[in-house]
Structures are given as C-alpha cells and as structure tokens.
C-alpha cells in the first residue's frame, strides 16, 4: 500500500528547502527505509494553507504548511503528481473531491466524551474538546468534506 515516514523538522520554522531535503532523503534511501525500489511514486499532497488572498476562504497560514506548499509548487520532487490543498475559489484549482457522508462522519466521530475518529484522535489536541461535525459542512471551512487542490508537475 505504501510507507509513511515522519520527520521532526521543528514547529513553525520549517523551510521549503528542508521539505525538499526530507523528500530527497527518503527517495535516496528507499532500501534503508524498507521501501521497495519498485514501489511507484504517485502523489505528494501539501496540507491546507490560505494566506487571506482568496475571498470567502478560511484563513490558515501556518509557516510549516506554507513551506510544504512552496516546496511542492516550486520543486519537481517525485515521479508523480504534486497537489496542494487550497480554497475552492483559487484560480489554480485542478480538482475538487468530496468524501462520502459516512466517511466524513467516521473521521470526526466521538463516543460520548471519547475521541474515536482518526481526526479527533490524531489532531484533537488542537481544540479544547472536539470538532463539531456541523463546522465541517461549509465549502469555505478549513476542514471540510469537500476539498479543492492545485496540481503541479506529474
């Protein structure tokens, strides 16, 4: 299916050059990391980022997200497609996808006071209690079932 590699490059001060280095480090050390050299490279996806330049879009301009966007936009890093999560009003939108309501609900699921959905478990530290499912239904929200992406390279 694939392999997930994490780098701790800091929080809030990551640069596009560090992102480029990390991707190249993985690509150059596949065997050492247990990645078959025959495994195809298909996609690299940058997380949501918006600097306020597009009307009616949630603002989120975290420096680390910006670094990944800049790296994937400016450098041809993999033998595949490079996407960045953006606003639906972005002139560079290449595709927009919506996950099914059942998947969306499972992603943010709560059971009484316990976080059970993957988003709640992995990113629940970002909020005091949990994400409200109703905040996920608007097209201008940062975390929503319908998401748009720009595409470069590939």
Protein backbone atom coordinates (compact mmCIF):
# COMPACT_ATOMS: atom_id res chain seq x y z
CA UNK A 1 0.00 0.00 0.00
CA UNK A 2 2.73 2.46 0.95
CA UNK A 3 5.06 3.62 3.67
CA UNK A 4 4.72 6.60 5.99
CA UNK A 5 7.88 8.43 7.03
CA UNK A 6 7.85 11.24 9.60
CA UNK A 7 10.45 13.99 10.00
CA UNK A 8 10.62 16.30 13.01
CA UNK A 9 11.87 19.50 11.40
CA UNK A 10 10.55 21.73 14.19
CA UNK A 11 7.28 23.55 14.58
CA UNK A 12 6.68 26.89 12.94
CA UNK A 13 10.06 27.37 11.29
CA UNK A 14 10.22 24.72 8.56
CA UNK A 15 11.52 25.96 5.21
CA UNK A 16 10.77 24.82 1.66
CA UNK A 17 14.40 23.76 1.36
CA UNK A 18 14.02 21.49 4.42
CA UNK A 19 10.92 19.93 2.88
CA UNK A 20 12.84 19.37 -0.34
CA UNK A 21 15.72 17.80 1.61
CA UNK A 22 13.34 15.47 3.50
CA UNK A 23 11.68 14.22 0.31
CA UNK A 24 15.04 13.73 -1.38
CA UNK A 25 16.39 11.94 1.71
CA UNK A 26 13.56 9.41 1.54
CA UNK A 27 13.89 8.96 -2.21
CA UNK A 28 17.64 8.44 -1.89
CA UNK A 29 17.37 5.90 0.93
CA UNK A 30 14.43 3.70 -0.01
CA UNK A 31 16.19 0.40 0.68
CA UNK A 32 17.43 1.59 4.07
CA UNK A 33 13.87 2.65 4.98
CA UNK A 34 12.33 -0.63 3.83
CA UNK A 35 10.67 0.86 0.77
CA UNK A 36 10.79 -1.37 -2.31
CA UNK A 37 12.62 0.44 -5.09
CA UNK A 38 9.91 -0.83 -7.44
CA UNK A 39 7.16 0.93 -5.48
CA UNK A 40 5.79 3.71 -7.72
CA UNK A 41 5.71 7.31 -6.59
CA UNK A 42 2.21 8.55 -7.24
CA UNK A 43 1.30 11.67 -5.24
CA UNK A 44 2.66 14.21 -2.80
CA UNK A 45 0.00 16.30 -1.08
CA UNK A 46 0.50 19.55 0.82
CA UNK A 47 -1.88 20.30 3.72
CA UNK A 48 -4.38 23.17 3.69
CA UNK A 49 -2.94 26.68 3.57
CA UNK A 50 -4.53 30.05 2.87
CA UNK A 51 -2.88 33.43 3.34
CA UNK A 52 -6.05 35.52 3.08
CA UNK A 53 -5.70 36.34 -0.62
CA UNK A 54 -8.83 34.43 -1.71
CA UNK A 55 -12.22 35.79 -0.61
CA UNK A 56 -14.63 33.58 1.34
CA UNK A 57 -11.99 31.12 2.45
CA UNK A 58 -10.82 30.09 5.91
CA UNK A 59 -7.52 31.75 6.85
CA UNK A 60 -4.74 29.36 7.85
CA UNK A 61 -1.18 30.45 7.07
CA UNK A 62 0.93 28.27 9.36
CA UNK A 63 4.57 28.57 8.30
CA UNK A 64 5.10 24.79 8.10
CA UNK A 65 2.10 24.36 5.79
CA UNK A 66 3.44 27.24 3.70
CA UNK A 67 6.85 25.54 3.45
CA UNK A 68 5.29 22.33 2.10
CA UNK A 69 3.18 24.32 -0.39
CA UNK A 70 6.18 26.30 -1.62
CA UNK A 71 8.30 23.15 -1.96
CA UNK A 72 5.67 21.16 -3.86
CA UNK A 73 4.83 24.15 -6.08
CA UNK A 74 8.43 25.11 -6.92
CA UNK A 75 10.34 21.81 -6.97
CA UNK A 76 9.58 18.71 -9.04
CA UNK A 77 10.22 16.32 -6.15
CA UNK A 78 8.70 12.98 -7.14
CA UNK A 79 7.92 10.87 -10.20
CA UNK A 80 4.23 11.64 -9.81
CA UNK A 81 1.73 14.38 -9.11
CA UNK A 82 2.17 17.11 -6.53
CA UNK A 83 -1.02 18.57 -5.04
CA UNK A 84 -1.76 21.30 -2.51
CA UNK A 85 -4.99 21.69 -0.52
CA UNK A 86 -6.44 25.10 -1.32
CA UNK A 87 -9.69 27.07 -1.40
CA UNK A 88 -12.36 26.34 -3.97
CA UNK A 89 -12.03 29.95 -5.19
CA UNK A 90 -8.33 29.54 -6.02
CA UNK A 91 -7.63 30.16 -9.74
CA UNK A 92 -5.19 27.23 -9.64
CA UNK A 93 -7.76 24.62 -8.55
CA UNK A 94 -7.17 21.43 -10.52
CA UNK A 95 -9.64 19.13 -8.81
CA UNK A 96 -12.29 19.10 -6.10
CA UNK A 97 -13.32 15.96 -4.25
CA UNK A 98 -15.97 15.16 -1.67
CA UNK A 99 -15.72 12.20 0.65
CA UNK A 100 -18.97 10.32 1.35
CA UNK A 101 -21.00 11.43 4.38
CA UNK A 102 -20.37 8.10 6.14
CA UNK A 103 -16.58 8.53 5.81
CA UNK A 104 -16.79 12.15 6.85
CA UNK A 105 -18.78 11.23 9.95
CA UNK A 106 -16.38 8.42 10.87
CA UNK A 107 -13.38 10.75 10.52
CA UNK A 108 -14.58 13.14 13.23
CA UNK A 109 -16.50 10.59 15.36
CA UNK A 110 -17.00 10.93 19.09
CA UNK A 111 -18.41 8.36 21.51
CA UNK A 112 -19.80 10.29 24.47
CA UNK A 113 -16.62 12.02 25.72
CA UNK A 114 -14.10 9.82 23.92
CA UNK A 115 -12.49 10.74 20.62
CA UNK A 116 -12.79 7.74 18.31
CA UNK A 117 -12.45 9.14 14.78
CA UNK A 118 -8.92 9.42 13.35
CA UNK A 119 -9.04 13.23 13.11
CA UNK A 120 -10.21 13.55 16.70
CA UNK A 121 -7.54 11.10 17.93
CA UNK A 122 -4.63 12.48 15.88
CA UNK A 123 -5.40 16.20 15.92
CA UNK A 124 -7.75 16.59 18.87
CA UNK A 125 -5.02 18.38 20.79
CA UNK A 126 -5.67 21.39 18.54
CA UNK A 127 -9.07 22.09 20.14
CA UNK A 128 -10.37 22.24 23.71
CA UNK A 129 -12.98 19.50 23.35
CA UNK A 130 -13.65 18.13 19.85
CA UNK A 131 -14.53 19.28 16.36
CA UNK A 132 -18.19 19.91 15.87
CA UNK A 133 -19.48 17.89 12.87
CA UNK A 134 -21.54 20.89 11.71
CA UNK A 135 -18.40 23.02 11.26
CA UNK A 136 -17.33 20.59 8.55
CA UNK A 137 -20.15 21.19 6.14
CA UNK A 138 -19.33 24.62 4.70
CA UNK A 139 -17.34 24.99 1.48
CA UNK A 140 -15.25 27.81 2.94
CA UNK A 141 -14.11 25.92 6.06
CA UNK A 142 -10.56 24.70 6.50
CA UNK A 143 -11.63 21.20 7.50
CA UNK A 144 -14.49 20.13 5.27
CA UNK A 145 -15.74 17.05 3.41
CA UNK A 146 -15.36 18.84 0.06
CA UNK A 147 -11.80 19.88 -0.68
CA UNK A 148 -10.03 21.52 -3.61
CA UNK A 149 -6.43 21.04 -4.74
CA UNK A 150 -3.97 22.65 -7.10
CA UNK A 151 -1.64 20.39 -9.09
CA UNK A 152 1.95 20.76 -10.25
CA UNK A 153 4.35 18.54 -12.11
CA UNK A 154 3.49 14.88 -12.74
